[in-house]
């Protein structure tokens, strides 16, 4: 795995952009210069994020989301496999 997060990532397991390995490493998101912890999905190249709209849910129980546009930056919060192997050896 590279040190660059995916261009498009979703936390919804039914989405084609879901990536369990990337989510386990933790992905930090900065949107319009502010760090966000409530992002459901993002696209760096298209410049948008999706965030939950309060506690509202659709008829399937999934949170309703709103799409916000602007500059998006993403980074991994934890290291890759080599860092994990070093942590287990200690």
N, C-alpha and C. Protein backbone atom coordinates (compact mmCIF):
# COMPACT_ATOMS: atom_id res chain seq x y z
N UNK A 1 0.85 -1.18 0.00
CA UNK A 1 0.00 0.00 0.00
C UNK A 1 0.89 1.24 0.00
N UNK A 2 0.47 2.26 -0.71
CA UNK A 2 1.27 3.48 -0.81
C UNK A 2 0.97 4.40 0.37
N UNK A 3 1.74 5.48 0.48
CA UNK A 3 1.53 6.45 1.54
C UNK A 3 0.52 7.51 1.14
N UNK A 4 -0.07 7.39 -0.04
CA UNK A 4 -1.09 8.34 -0.50
C UNK A 4 -2.46 7.69 -0.37
N UNK A 5 -3.40 8.35 0.30
CA UNK A 5 -4.75 7.78 0.41
C UNK A 5 -5.44 7.73 -0.96
N UNK A 6 -6.46 6.89 -1.09
CA UNK A 6 -7.18 6.82 -2.37
C UNK A 6 -7.80 8.16 -2.74
N UNK A 7 -7.97 8.39 -4.03
CA UNK A 7 -8.57 9.63 -4.52
C UNK A 7 -10.05 9.71 -4.12
N UNK A 8 -10.72 8.58 -4.08
CA UNK A 8 -12.15 8.53 -3.75
C UNK A 8 -12.34 7.42 -2.73
N UNK A 9 -12.92 7.73 -1.58
CA UNK A 9 -13.08 6.75 -0.51
C UNK A 9 -14.41 6.95 0.19
N UNK A 10 -15.06 5.85 0.55
CA UNK A 10 -16.34 5.87 1.25
C UNK A 10 -16.27 4.95 2.46
N UNK A 11 -17.01 5.28 3.53
CA UNK A 11 -17.07 4.41 4.70
C UNK A 11 -18.23 3.42 4.61
N UNK A 12 -19.06 3.51 3.57
CA UNK A 12 -20.20 2.62 3.38
C UNK A 12 -19.74 1.32 2.72
N UNK A 13 -19.88 0.16 3.39
CA UNK A 13 -19.41 -1.10 2.82
C UNK A 13 -20.08 -1.48 1.50
N UNK A 14 -21.26 -0.96 1.20
CA UNK A 14 -21.93 -1.31 -0.06
C UNK A 14 -21.45 -0.44 -1.23
N UNK A 15 -20.61 0.55 -0.97
CA UNK A 15 -20.11 1.44 -2.01
C UNK A 15 -18.95 0.79 -2.77
N UNK A 16 -18.84 1.06 -4.08
CA UNK A 16 -17.68 0.54 -4.81
C UNK A 16 -16.38 1.24 -4.42
N UNK A 17 -16.45 2.34 -3.69
CA UNK A 17 -15.27 3.09 -3.27
C UNK A 17 -14.86 2.76 -1.82
N UNK A 18 -15.41 1.72 -1.25
CA UNK A 18 -15.08 1.27 0.11
C UNK A 18 -13.75 0.53 0.07
N UNK A 19 -12.84 0.86 0.99
CA UNK A 19 -11.53 0.21 1.08
C UNK A 19 -11.20 -0.01 2.55
N UNK A 20 -11.40 -1.23 3.02
CA UNK A 20 -11.21 -1.56 4.43
C UNK A 20 -9.78 -1.30 4.89
N UNK A 21 -8.80 -1.65 4.06
CA UNK A 21 -7.39 -1.48 4.46
C UNK A 21 -7.07 -0.01 4.69
N UNK A 22 -7.54 0.86 3.82
CA UNK A 22 -7.28 2.30 3.98
C UNK A 22 -7.99 2.85 5.21
N UNK A 23 -9.21 2.40 5.47
CA UNK A 23 -9.95 2.89 6.63
C UNK A 23 -9.32 2.43 7.94
N UNK A 24 -8.72 1.24 7.96
CA UNK A 24 -8.06 0.75 9.17
C UNK A 24 -6.83 1.58 9.51
N UNK A 25 -6.17 2.11 8.50
CA UNK A 25 -5.00 2.98 8.74
C UNK A 25 -5.45 4.34 9.26
N UNK A 26 -6.68 4.72 8.99
CA UNK A 26 -7.18 6.02 9.39
C UNK A 26 -6.84 7.07 8.35
N UNK A 27 -7.83 7.76 7.87
CA UNK A 27 -7.62 8.79 6.85
C UNK A 27 -8.08 10.13 7.43
N UNK A 28 -7.17 11.08 7.48
CA UNK A 28 -7.50 12.42 7.93
C UNK A 28 -7.95 13.25 6.74
N UNK A 29 -8.94 14.12 6.94
CA UNK A 29 -9.48 14.96 5.87
C UNK A 29 -9.43 16.42 6.31
N UNK A 30 -8.90 17.24 5.42
CA UNK A 30 -8.93 18.69 5.62
C UNK A 30 -9.76 19.26 4.47
N UNK A 31 -10.85 19.96 4.81
CA UNK A 31 -11.76 20.53 3.82
C UNK A 31 -11.83 22.03 4.03
N UNK A 32 -11.46 22.78 3.00
CA UNK A 32 -11.42 24.24 3.06
C UNK A 32 -10.57 24.73 4.23
N UNK A 33 -9.47 24.03 4.49
CA UNK A 33 -8.53 24.44 5.52
C UNK A 33 -8.87 23.99 6.93
N UNK A 34 -10.02 23.35 7.13
CA UNK A 34 -10.41 22.87 8.47
C UNK A 34 -10.44 21.35 8.49
N UNK A 35 -9.90 20.76 9.55
CA UNK A 35 -9.91 19.31 9.68
C UNK A 35 -11.31 18.84 10.03
N UNK A 36 -11.78 17.81 9.30
CA UNK A 36 -13.14 17.29 9.50
C UNK A 36 -13.07 15.85 9.97
N UNK A 37 -13.90 15.49 10.93
CA UNK A 37 -13.98 14.12 11.44
C UNK A 37 -15.31 13.45 11.09
N UNK A 38 -16.21 14.17 10.40
CA UNK A 38 -17.55 13.66 10.12
C UNK A 38 -17.78 13.31 8.66
N UNK A 39 -16.71 13.05 7.91
CA UNK A 39 -16.81 12.80 6.47
C UNK A 39 -17.23 11.35 6.21
N UNK A 40 -18.28 11.17 5.41
CA UNK A 40 -18.77 9.84 5.03
C UNK A 40 -18.09 9.36 3.75
N UNK A 41 -17.79 10.29 2.84
CA UNK A 41 -17.20 9.97 1.55
C UNK A 41 -16.49 11.22 1.03
N UNK A 42 -15.44 11.02 0.25
CA UNK A 42 -14.75 12.17 -0.33
C UNK A 42 -14.19 11.83 -1.70
N UNK A 43 -13.93 12.87 -2.49
CA UNK A 43 -13.22 12.75 -3.76
C UNK A 43 -12.27 13.94 -3.87
N UNK A 44 -10.98 13.65 -3.90
CA UNK A 44 -9.99 14.72 -3.98
C UNK A 44 -10.00 15.37 -5.36
N UNK A 45 -10.00 14.55 -6.42
CA UNK A 45 -9.91 15.09 -7.78
C UNK A 45 -11.15 15.91 -8.16
N UNK A 46 -12.32 15.51 -7.67
CA UNK A 46 -13.54 16.24 -7.99
C UNK A 46 -13.81 17.37 -7.00
N UNK A 47 -13.12 17.38 -5.87
CA UNK A 47 -13.23 18.47 -4.90
C UNK A 47 -14.53 18.50 -4.13
N UNK A 48 -14.91 17.38 -3.50
CA UNK A 48 -16.12 17.36 -2.68
C UNK A 48 -16.01 16.34 -1.56
N UNK A 49 -16.85 16.55 -0.53
CA UNK A 49 -17.00 15.59 0.55
C UNK A 49 -18.49 15.40 0.80
N UNK A 50 -18.86 14.30 1.41
CA UNK A 50 -20.24 14.06 1.85
C UNK A 50 -20.21 13.92 3.37
N UNK A 51 -21.09 14.65 4.04
CA UNK A 51 -21.19 14.59 5.49
C UNK A 51 -22.64 14.29 5.87
N UNK A 52 -22.82 13.66 7.02
CA UNK A 52 -24.15 13.32 7.50
C UNK A 52 -24.94 14.60 7.80
N UNK A 53 -26.22 14.55 7.54
CA UNK A 53 -27.11 15.68 7.75
C UNK A 53 -27.82 15.48 9.09
N UNK A 54 -27.11 15.77 10.17
CA UNK A 54 -27.68 15.58 11.50
C UNK A 54 -27.91 14.10 11.80
N UNK A 55 -29.01 13.81 12.47
CA UNK A 55 -29.33 12.42 12.82
C UNK A 55 -30.39 11.84 11.89
N UNK A 56 -30.66 12.51 10.79
CA UNK A 56 -31.68 12.05 9.85
C UNK A 56 -31.20 10.83 9.09
N UNK A 57 -32.10 9.87 8.87
CA UNK A 57 -31.78 8.65 8.13
C UNK A 57 -32.81 8.44 7.02
N UNK A 58 -32.40 7.67 6.00
CA UNK A 58 -33.34 7.34 4.93
C UNK A 58 -34.16 6.13 5.33
N UNK A 59 -34.99 5.65 4.43
CA UNK A 59 -35.89 4.54 4.77
C UNK A 59 -35.15 3.22 5.00
N UNK A 60 -33.87 3.16 4.62
CA UNK A 60 -33.07 1.96 4.84
C UNK A 60 -32.20 2.07 6.09
N UNK A 61 -32.31 3.17 6.81
CA UNK A 61 -31.55 3.36 8.03
C UNK A 61 -30.17 3.97 7.85
N UNK A 62 -29.81 4.32 6.61
CA UNK A 62 -28.52 4.96 6.35
C UNK A 62 -28.65 6.46 6.57
N UNK A 63 -27.61 7.11 7.03
CA UNK A 63 -27.70 8.56 7.28
C UNK A 63 -27.87 9.34 5.98
N UNK A 64 -28.70 10.39 6.04
CA UNK A 64 -28.81 11.30 4.91
C UNK A 64 -27.55 12.14 4.87
N UNK A 65 -27.05 12.40 3.68
CA UNK A 65 -25.80 13.15 3.54
C UNK A 65 -26.00 14.36 2.65
N UNK A 66 -25.10 15.31 2.80
CA UNK A 66 -25.08 16.50 1.96
C UNK A 66 -23.69 16.59 1.34
N UNK A 67 -23.66 17.01 0.07
CA UNK A 67 -22.40 17.11 -0.66
C UNK A 67 -21.90 18.55 -0.58
N UNK A 68 -20.68 18.73 -0.08
CA UNK A 68 -20.06 20.04 0.02
C UNK A 68 -18.88 20.09 -0.94
N UNK A 69 -18.75 21.18 -1.69
CA UNK A 69 -17.66 21.30 -2.66
C UNK A 69 -16.61 22.28 -2.17
N UNK A 70 -15.37 21.99 -2.51
CA UNK A 70 -14.24 22.82 -2.13
C UNK A 70 -12.96 22.01 -2.15
N UNK A 71 -11.84 22.63 -1.81
CA UNK A 71 -10.56 21.90 -1.83
C UNK A 71 -10.51 20.84 -0.72
N UNK A 72 -10.07 19.65 -1.10
CA UNK A 72 -10.01 18.51 -0.17
C UNK A 72 -8.57 18.01 -0.11
N UNK A 73 -8.06 17.79 1.11
CA UNK A 73 -6.75 17.18 1.33
C UNK A 73 -6.96 15.95 2.18
N UNK A 74 -6.22 14.88 1.89
CA UNK A 74 -6.33 13.65 2.67
C UNK A 74 -4.94 13.12 3.00
N UNK A 75 -4.82 12.45 4.14
CA UNK A 75 -3.56 11.83 4.56
C UNK A 75 -3.88 10.64 5.46
N UNK A 76 -2.91 9.73 5.54
CA UNK A 76 -3.06 8.59 6.45
C UNK A 76 -2.64 9.02 7.84
N UNK A 77 -3.42 8.65 8.84
CA UNK A 77 -3.10 9.00 10.22
C UNK A 77 -2.10 8.02 10.84
N UNK A 78 -2.08 6.78 10.37
CA UNK A 78 -1.14 5.78 10.86
C UNK A 78 -0.32 5.27 9.69
N UNK A 79 0.84 4.71 10.01
CA UNK A 79 1.74 4.20 8.99
C UNK A 79 1.22 2.94 8.33
N UNK A 80 1.95 2.47 7.34
CA UNK A 80 1.57 1.28 6.57
C UNK A 80 1.98 0.00 7.25
N UNK A 81 2.13 -1.05 6.44
CA UNK A 81 2.45 -2.38 6.95
C UNK A 81 3.81 -2.43 7.62
N UNK A 82 4.80 -1.70 7.12
CA UNK A 82 6.13 -1.73 7.74
C UNK A 82 6.10 -1.15 9.15
N UNK A 83 5.31 -0.09 9.37
CA UNK A 83 5.18 0.49 10.70
C UNK A 83 4.43 -0.46 11.63
N UNK A 84 3.43 -1.17 11.10
CA UNK A 84 2.66 -2.11 11.91
C UNK A 84 3.55 -3.28 12.33
N UNK A 85 4.40 -3.75 11.46
CA UNK A 85 5.29 -4.87 11.78
C UNK A 85 6.29 -4.46 12.87
N UNK A 86 6.78 -3.22 12.82
CA UNK A 86 7.70 -2.74 13.86
C UNK A 86 7.00 -2.65 15.21
N UNK A 87 5.73 -2.24 15.21
CA UNK A 87 4.97 -2.12 16.45
C UNK A 87 4.70 -3.47 17.08
N UNK A 88 4.49 -4.53 16.25
CA UNK A 88 4.24 -5.86 16.78
C UNK A 88 5.51 -6.48 17.32
N UNK A 89 6.67 -6.11 16.81
CA UNK A 89 7.94 -6.69 17.24
C UNK A 89 8.33 -6.21 18.62
N UNK A 90 7.83 -5.08 19.05
CA UNK A 90 8.21 -4.51 20.36
C UNK A 90 7.59 -5.25 21.51
